Amino acid sequence: MMLDNFPRGTIVIEDLEIGMVRHLQKLVTDADIEMFAQVSTDRNPVHLDEAYARDTIFEGRIAHGMLTAGLI
């Protein structure tokens, strides 16, 4: 069974089969990052302050790792 990005409801572990794939496309917005910072209390400026983040190895703001992991 192949899955695409169309909503199909919740997939439970019993329905998983070898070879299944799922694709997700999500534009992470400023609002997503701000809301995640509020609920996680992770207010690291690399996520929230563009001027600060420009001077880091990332050269700009980045989303929280756990925010992106949560999409998996």
PDB file of N, CA and C in Angstrom:
ATOM      1  N   MET A   1       0.853  -1.176   0.000  1.00  0.00           N
ATOM      2  CA  MET A   1       0.000   0.000   0.000  1.00  0.00           C
ATOM      3  C   MET A   1       0.899   1.239   0.000  1.00  0.00           C
ATOM      4  N   MET A   2       0.663   2.162  -0.900  1.00  0.00           N
ATOM      5  CA  MET A   2       1.452   3.393  -0.968  1.00  0.00           C
ATOM      6  C   MET A   2       0.582   4.546  -0.507  1.00  0.00           C
ATOM      7  N   LEU A   3       1.161   5.416   0.271  1.00  0.00           N
ATOM      8  CA  LEU A   3       0.434   6.573   0.777  1.00  0.00           C
ATOM      9  C   LEU A   3       1.030   7.841   0.191  1.00  0.00           C
ATOM     10  N   ASP A   4       0.205   8.826  -0.022  1.00  0.00           N
ATOM     11  CA  ASP A   4       0.682  10.118  -0.512  1.00  0.00           C
ATOM     12  C   ASP A   4       0.348  11.177   0.524  1.00  0.00           C
ATOM     13  N   ASN A   5       0.372  12.419   0.142  1.00  0.00           N
ATOM     14  CA  ASN A   5       0.166  13.517   1.073  1.00  0.00           C
ATOM     15  C   ASN A   5      -1.315  13.861   1.259  1.00  0.00           C
ATOM     16  N   PHE A   6      -2.220  13.071   0.717  1.00  0.00           N
ATOM     17  CA  PHE A   6      -3.644  13.346   0.892  1.00  0.00           C
ATOM     18  C   PHE A   6      -4.117  12.801   2.231  1.00  0.00           C
ATOM     19  N   PRO A   7      -4.995  13.529   2.924  1.00  0.00           N
ATOM     20  CA  PRO A   7      -5.463  13.047   4.228  1.00  0.00           C
ATOM     21  C   PRO A   7      -6.184  11.711   4.093  1.00  0.00           C
ATOM     22  N   ARG A   8      -5.857  10.792   4.936  1.00  0.00           N
ATOM     23  CA  ARG A   8      -6.479   9.477   4.918  1.00  0.00           C
ATOM     24  C   ARG A   8      -6.828   9.019   6.323  1.00  0.00           C
ATOM     25  N   GLY A   9      -6.758   9.894   7.304  1.00  0.00           N
ATOM     26  CA  GLY A   9      -7.037   9.489   8.671  1.00  0.00           C
ATOM     27  C   GLY A   9      -5.778   8.991   9.357  1.00  0.00           C
ATOM     28  N   THR A  10      -5.962   8.520  10.553  1.00  0.00           N
ATOM     29  CA  THR A  10      -4.849   8.055  11.358  1.00  0.00           C
ATOM     30  C   THR A  10      -4.416   6.658  10.927  1.00  0.00           C
ATOM     31  N   ILE A  11      -3.123   6.463  10.874  1.00  0.00           N
ATOM     32  CA  ILE A  11      -2.572   5.143  10.583  1.00  0.00           C
ATOM     33  C   ILE A  11      -2.111   4.566  11.917  1.00  0.00           C
ATOM     34  N   VAL A  12      -2.597   3.407  12.252  1.00  0.00           N
ATOM     35  CA  VAL A  12      -2.185   2.764  13.502  1.00  0.00           C
ATOM     36  C   VAL A  12      -1.088   1.758  13.211  1.00  0.00           C
ATOM     37  N   ILE A  13      -0.333   1.412  14.237  1.00  0.00           N
ATOM     38  CA  ILE A  13       0.841   0.553  14.050  1.00  0.00           C
ATOM     39  C   ILE A  13       0.485  -0.780  13.402  1.00  0.00           C
ATOM     40  N   GLU A  14      -0.697  -1.289  13.678  1.00  0.00           N
ATOM     41  CA  GLU A  14      -1.095  -2.569  13.083  1.00  0.00           C
ATOM     42  C   GLU A  14      -1.251  -2.481  11.569  1.00  0.00           C
ATOM     43  N   ASP A  15      -1.428  -1.290  11.037  1.00  0.00           N
ATOM     44  CA  ASP A  15      -1.602  -1.111   9.595  1.00  0.00           C
ATOM     45  C   ASP A  15      -0.284  -0.920   8.848  1.00  0.00           C
ATOM     46  N   LEU A  16       0.826  -0.780   9.579  1.00  0.00           N
ATOM     47  CA  LEU A  16       2.111  -0.564   8.929  1.00  0.00           C
ATOM     48  C   LEU A  16       2.580  -1.831   8.231  1.00  0.00           C
ATOM     49  N   GLU A  17       3.122  -1.640   7.030  1.00  0.00           N
ATOM     50  CA  GLU A  17       3.664  -2.749   6.255  1.00  0.00           C
ATOM     51  C   GLU A  17       5.010  -2.333   5.680  1.00  0.00           C
ATOM     52  N   ILE A  18       5.891  -3.283   5.480  1.00  0.00           N
ATOM     53  CA  ILE A  18       7.187  -3.012   4.859  1.00  0.00           C
ATOM     54  C   ILE A  18       6.948  -2.395   3.487  1.00  0.00           C
ATOM     55  N   GLY A  19       7.677  -1.333   3.189  1.00  0.00           N
ATOM     56  CA  GLY A  19       7.584  -0.680   1.894  1.00  0.00           C
ATOM     57  C   GLY A  19       6.637   0.504   1.854  1.00  0.00           C
ATOM     58  N   MET A  20       5.862   0.710   2.917  1.00  0.00           N
ATOM     59  CA  MET A  20       4.952   1.862   2.939  1.00  0.00           C
ATOM     60  C   MET A  20       5.759   3.148   2.991  1.00  0.00           C
ATOM     61  N   VAL A  21       5.267   4.176   2.348  1.00  0.00           N
ATOM     62  CA  VAL A  21       5.893   5.493   2.412  1.00  0.00           C
ATOM     63  C   VAL A  21       4.810   6.525   2.670  1.00  0.00           C
ATOM     64  N   ARG A  22       5.237   7.635   3.216  1.00  0.00           N
ATOM     65  CA  ARG A  22       4.327   8.755   3.444  1.00  0.00           C
ATOM     66  C   ARG A  22       5.118  10.019   3.196  1.00  0.00           C
ATOM     67  N   HIS A  23       4.538  10.965   2.527  1.00  0.00           N
ATOM     68  CA  HIS A  23       5.206  12.230   2.238  1.00  0.00           C
ATOM     69  C   HIS A  23       4.450  13.352   2.932  1.00  0.00           C
ATOM     70  N   LEU A  24       5.209  14.282   3.472  1.00  0.00           N
ATOM     71  CA  LEU A  24       4.622  15.454   4.120  1.00  0.00           C
ATOM     72  C   LEU A  24       5.355  16.679   3.614  1.00  0.00           C
ATOM     73  N   GLN A  25       4.607  17.644   3.220  1.00  0.00           N
ATOM     74  CA  GLN A  25       5.192  18.911   2.825  1.00  0.00           C
ATOM     75  C   GLN A  25       4.587  19.969   3.725  1.00  0.00           C
ATOM     76  N   LYS A  26       5.432  20.719   4.441  1.00  0.00           N
ATOM     77  CA  LYS A  26       4.963  21.716   5.390  1.00  0.00           C
ATOM     78  C   LYS A  26       5.894  22.909   5.350  1.00  0.00           C
ATOM     79  N   LEU A  27       5.346  24.068   5.126  1.00  0.00           N
ATOM     80  CA  LEU A  27       6.108  25.300   5.242  1.00  0.00           C
ATOM     81  C   LEU A  27       6.058  25.725   6.705  1.00  0.00           C
ATOM     82  N   VAL A  28       7.207  25.712   7.369  1.00  0.00           N
ATOM     83  CA  VAL A  28       7.272  26.127   8.769  1.00  0.00           C
ATOM     84  C   VAL A  28       7.262  27.655   8.797  1.00  0.00           C
ATOM     85  N   THR A  29       6.272  28.218   9.457  1.00  0.00           N
ATOM     86  CA  THR A  29       6.082  29.671   9.474  1.00  0.00           C
ATOM     87  C   THR A  29       6.646  30.296  10.752  1.00  0.00           C
ATOM     88  N   ASP A  30       6.745  31.609  10.737  1.00  0.00           N
ATOM     89  CA  ASP A  30       7.136  32.336  11.953  1.00  0.00           C
ATOM     90  C   ASP A  30       6.173  32.002  13.088  1.00  0.00           C
ATOM     91  N   ALA A  31       4.889  31.909  12.778  1.00  0.00           N
ATOM     92  CA  ALA A  31       3.885  31.598  13.804  1.00  0.00           C
ATOM     93  C   ALA A  31       4.126  30.205  14.388  1.00  0.00           C
ATOM     94  N   ASP A  32       4.481  29.227  13.540  1.00  0.00           N
ATOM     95  CA  ASP A  32       4.786  27.881  14.032  1.00  0.00           C
ATOM     96  C   ASP A  32       5.938  27.926  15.037  1.00  0.00           C
ATOM     97  N   ILE A  33       6.991  28.647  14.672  1.00  0.00           N
ATOM     98  CA  ILE A  33       8.170  28.728  15.532  1.00  0.00           C
ATOM     99  C   ILE A  33       7.837  29.440  16.836  1.00  0.00           C
ATOM    100  N   GLU A  34       7.098  30.523  16.761  1.00  0.00           N
ATOM    101  CA  GLU A  34       6.724  31.263  17.967  1.00  0.00           C
ATOM    102  C   GLU A  34       5.837  30.412  18.879  1.00  0.00           C
ATOM    103  N   MET A  35       4.852  29.721  18.302  1.00  0.00           N
ATOM    104  CA  MET A  35       3.981  28.867  19.124  1.00  0.00           C
ATOM    105  C   MET A  35       4.768  27.729  19.763  1.00  0.00           C
ATOM    106  N   PHE A  36       5.716  27.140  19.006  1.00  0.00           N
ATOM    107  CA  PHE A  36       6.520  26.062  19.572  1.00  0.00           C
ATOM    108  C   PHE A  36       7.388  26.599  20.706  1.00  0.00           C
ATOM    109  N   ALA A  37       7.940  27.785  20.535  1.00  0.00           N
ATOM    110  CA  ALA A  37       8.747  28.387  21.597  1.00  0.00           C
ATOM    111  C   ALA A  37       7.908  28.594  22.857  1.00  0.00           C
ATOM    112  N   GLN A  38       6.656  28.986  22.683  1.00  0.00           N
ATOM    113  CA  GLN A  38       5.779  29.192  23.843  1.00  0.00           C
ATOM    114  C   GLN A  38       5.493  27.892  24.578  1.00  0.00           C
ATOM    115  N   VAL A  39       5.137  26.843  23.840  1.00  0.00           N
ATOM    116  CA  VAL A  39       4.763  25.599  24.522  1.00  0.00           C
ATOM    117  C   VAL A  39       5.971  24.825  25.042  1.00  0.00           C
ATOM    118  N   SER A  40       7.122  24.967  24.385  1.00  0.00           N
ATOM    119  CA  SER A  40       8.315  24.225  24.809  1.00  0.00           C
ATOM    120  C   SER A  40       9.158  25.014  25.811  1.00  0.00           C
ATOM    121  N   THR A  41       8.921  26.302  25.903  1.00  0.00           N
ATOM    122  CA  THR A  41       9.720  27.263  26.685  1.00  0.00           C
ATOM    123  C   THR A  41      11.160  27.379  26.174  1.00  0.00           C
ATOM    124  N   ASP A  42      11.409  26.917  24.956  1.00  0.00           N
ATOM    125  CA  ASP A  42      12.729  27.052  24.323  1.00  0.00           C
ATOM    126  C   ASP A  42      12.739  28.359  23.543  1.00  0.00           C
ATOM    127  N   ARG A  43      13.278  29.400  24.177  1.00  0.00           N
ATOM    128  CA  ARG A  43      13.290  30.714  23.557  1.00  0.00           C
ATOM    129  C   ARG A  43      14.713  31.084  23.110  1.00  0.00           C
ATOM    130  N   ASN A  44      15.478  30.092  22.701  1.00  0.00           N
ATOM    131  CA  ASN A  44      16.827  30.330  22.192  1.00  0.00           C
ATOM    132  C   ASN A  44      16.728  31.331  21.036  1.00  0.00           C
ATOM    133  N   PRO A  45      17.521  32.398  21.066  1.00  0.00           N
ATOM    134  CA  PRO A  45      17.416  33.431  20.029  1.00  0.00           C
ATOM    135  C   PRO A  45      17.734  32.940  18.617  1.00  0.00           C
ATOM    136  N   VAL A  46      18.397  31.793  18.469  1.00  0.00           N
ATOM    137  CA  VAL A  46      18.663  31.278  17.126  1.00  0.00           C
ATOM    138  C   VAL A  46      17.350  30.913  16.425  1.00  0.00           C
ATOM    139  N   HIS A  47      16.302  30.694  17.204  1.00  0.00           N
ATOM    140  CA  HIS A  47      14.991  30.392  16.633  1.00  0.00           C
ATOM    141  C   HIS A  47      14.144  31.646  16.427  1.00  0.00           C
ATOM    142  N   LEU A  48      14.399  32.676  17.215  1.00  0.00           N
ATOM    143  CA  LEU A  48      13.471  33.808  17.290  1.00  0.00           C
ATOM    144  C   LEU A  48      14.028  35.152  16.833  1.00  0.00           C
ATOM    145  N   ASP A  49      15.332  35.286  16.773  1.00  0.00           N
ATOM    146  CA  ASP A  49      15.952  36.595  16.509  1.00  0.00           C
ATOM    147  C   ASP A  49      16.859  36.500  15.276  1.00  0.00           C
ATOM    148  N   GLU A  50      16.374  37.019  14.151  1.00  0.00           N
ATOM    149  CA  GLU A  50      17.118  36.929  12.889  1.00  0.00           C
ATOM    150  C   GLU A  50      18.493  37.586  12.985  1.00  0.00           C
ATOM    151  N   ALA A  51      18.580  38.773  13.597  1.00  0.00           N
ATOM    152  CA  ALA A  51      19.870  39.469  13.696  1.00  0.00           C
ATOM    153  C   ALA A  51      20.872  38.631  14.485  1.00  0.00           C
ATOM    154  N   TYR A  52      20.443  38.056  15.583  1.00  0.00           N
ATOM    155  CA  TYR A  52      21.315  37.186  16.371  1.00  0.00           C
ATOM    156  C   TYR A  52      21.711  35.953  15.553  1.00  0.00           C
ATOM    157  N   ALA A  53      20.738  35.318  14.938  1.00  0.00           N
ATOM    158  CA  ALA A  53      20.970  34.056  14.219  1.00  0.00           C
ATOM    159  C   ALA A  53      21.882  34.227  13.016  1.00  0.00           C
ATOM    160  N   ARG A  54      21.884  35.412  12.400  1.00  0.00           N
ATOM    161  CA  ARG A  54      22.762  35.669  11.240  1.00  0.00           C
ATOM    162  C   ARG A  54      24.222  35.488  11.599  1.00  0.00           C
ATOM    163  N   ASP A  55      24.583  35.767  12.852  1.00  0.00           N
ATOM    164  CA  ASP A  55      25.975  35.680  13.296  1.00  0.00           C
ATOM    165  C   ASP A  55      26.342  34.303  13.844  1.00  0.00           C
ATOM    166  N   THR A  56      25.495  33.301  13.610  1.00  0.00           N
ATOM    167  CA  THR A  56      25.785  31.942  14.062  1.00  0.00           C
ATOM    168  C   THR A  56      26.199  31.086  12.864  1.00  0.00           C
ATOM    169  N   ILE A  57      26.539  29.841  13.117  1.00  0.00           N
ATOM    170  CA  ILE A  57      26.908  28.937  12.024  1.00  0.00           C
ATOM    171  C   ILE A  57      25.742  28.678  11.077  1.00  0.00           C
ATOM    172  N   PHE A  58      24.510  28.967  11.521  1.00  0.00           N
ATOM    173  CA  PHE A  58      23.336  28.737  10.684  1.00  0.00           C
ATOM    174  C   PHE A  58      23.079  29.874   9.701  1.00  0.00           C
ATOM    175  N   GLU A  59      23.660  31.043   9.981  1.00  0.00           N
ATOM    176  CA  GLU A  59      23.528  32.242   9.139  1.00  0.00           C
ATOM    177  C   GLU A  59      22.085  32.688   8.973  1.00  0.00           C
ATOM    178  N   GLY A  60      21.253  32.415   9.956  1.00  0.00           N
ATOM    179  CA  GLY A  60      19.857  32.837   9.943  1.00  0.00           C
ATOM    180  C   GLY A  60      19.050  31.973  10.895  1.00  0.00           C
ATOM    181  N   ARG A  61      17.818  32.402  11.123  1.00  0.00           N
ATOM    182  CA  ARG A  61      16.936  31.677  12.042  1.00  0.00           C
ATOM    183  C   ARG A  61      16.700  30.247  11.575  1.00  0.00           C
ATOM    184  N   ILE A  62      16.537  29.358  12.542  1.00  0.00           N
ATOM    185  CA  ILE A  62      16.224  27.961  12.250  1.00  0.00           C
ATOM    186  C   ILE A  62      15.035  27.536  13.115  1.00  0.00           C
ATOM    187  N   ALA A  63      14.309  26.546  12.640  1.00  0.00           N
ATOM    188  CA  ALA A  63      13.221  25.976  13.425  1.00  0.00           C
ATOM    189  C   ALA A  63      13.806  25.082  14.517  1.00  0.00           C
ATOM    190  N   HIS A  64      13.068  24.916  15.580  1.00  0.00           N
ATOM    191  CA  HIS A  64      13.456  24.006  16.657  1.00  0.00           C
ATOM    192  C   HIS A  64      13.559  22.584  16.106  1.00  0.00           C
ATOM    193  N   GLY A  65      14.580  21.867  16.521  1.00  0.00           N
ATOM    194  CA  GLY A  65      14.735  20.487  16.091  1.00  0.00           C
ATOM    195  C   GLY A  65      13.542  19.623  16.466  1.00  0.00           C
ATOM    196  N   MET A  66      13.010  19.825  17.664  1.00  0.00           N
ATOM    197  CA  MET A  66      11.867  19.006  18.082  1.00  0.00           C
ATOM    198  C   MET A  66      10.590  19.391  17.355  1.00  0.00           C
ATOM    199  N   LEU A  67      10.501  20.614  16.872  1.00  0.00           N
ATOM    200  CA  LEU A  67       9.344  20.997  16.049  1.00  0.00           C
ATOM    201  C   LEU A  67       9.357  20.170  14.762  1.00  0.00           C
ATOM    202  N   THR A  68      10.515  20.106  14.122  1.00  0.00           N
ATOM    203  CA  THR A  68      10.601  19.343  12.882  1.00  0.00           C
ATOM    204  C   THR A  68      10.481  17.840  13.143  1.00  0.00           C
ATOM    205  N   ALA A  69      11.047  17.369  14.258  1.00  0.00           N
ATOM    206  CA  ALA A  69      10.926  15.952  14.608  1.00  0.00           C
ATOM    207  C   ALA A  69       9.474  15.591  14.849  1.00  0.00           C
ATOM    208  N   GLY A  70       8.712  16.524  15.398  1.00  0.00           N
ATOM    209  CA  GLY A  70       7.293  16.279  15.648  1.00  0.00           C
ATOM    210  C   GLY A  70       6.512  16.067  14.370  1.00  0.00           C
ATOM    211  N   LEU A  71       7.006  16.554  13.247  1.00  0.00           N
ATOM    212  CA  LEU A  71       6.318  16.337  11.970  1.00  0.00           C
ATOM    213  C   LEU A  71       6.475  14.908  11.487  1.00  0.00           C
ATOM    214  N   ILE A  72       7.507  14.240  11.988  1.00  0.00           N
ATOM    215  CA  ILE A  72       7.711  12.847  11.617  1.00  0.00           C
ATOM    216  C   ILE A  72       6.721  12.003  12.361  1.00  0.00           C
TER     217      ILE A  72
END
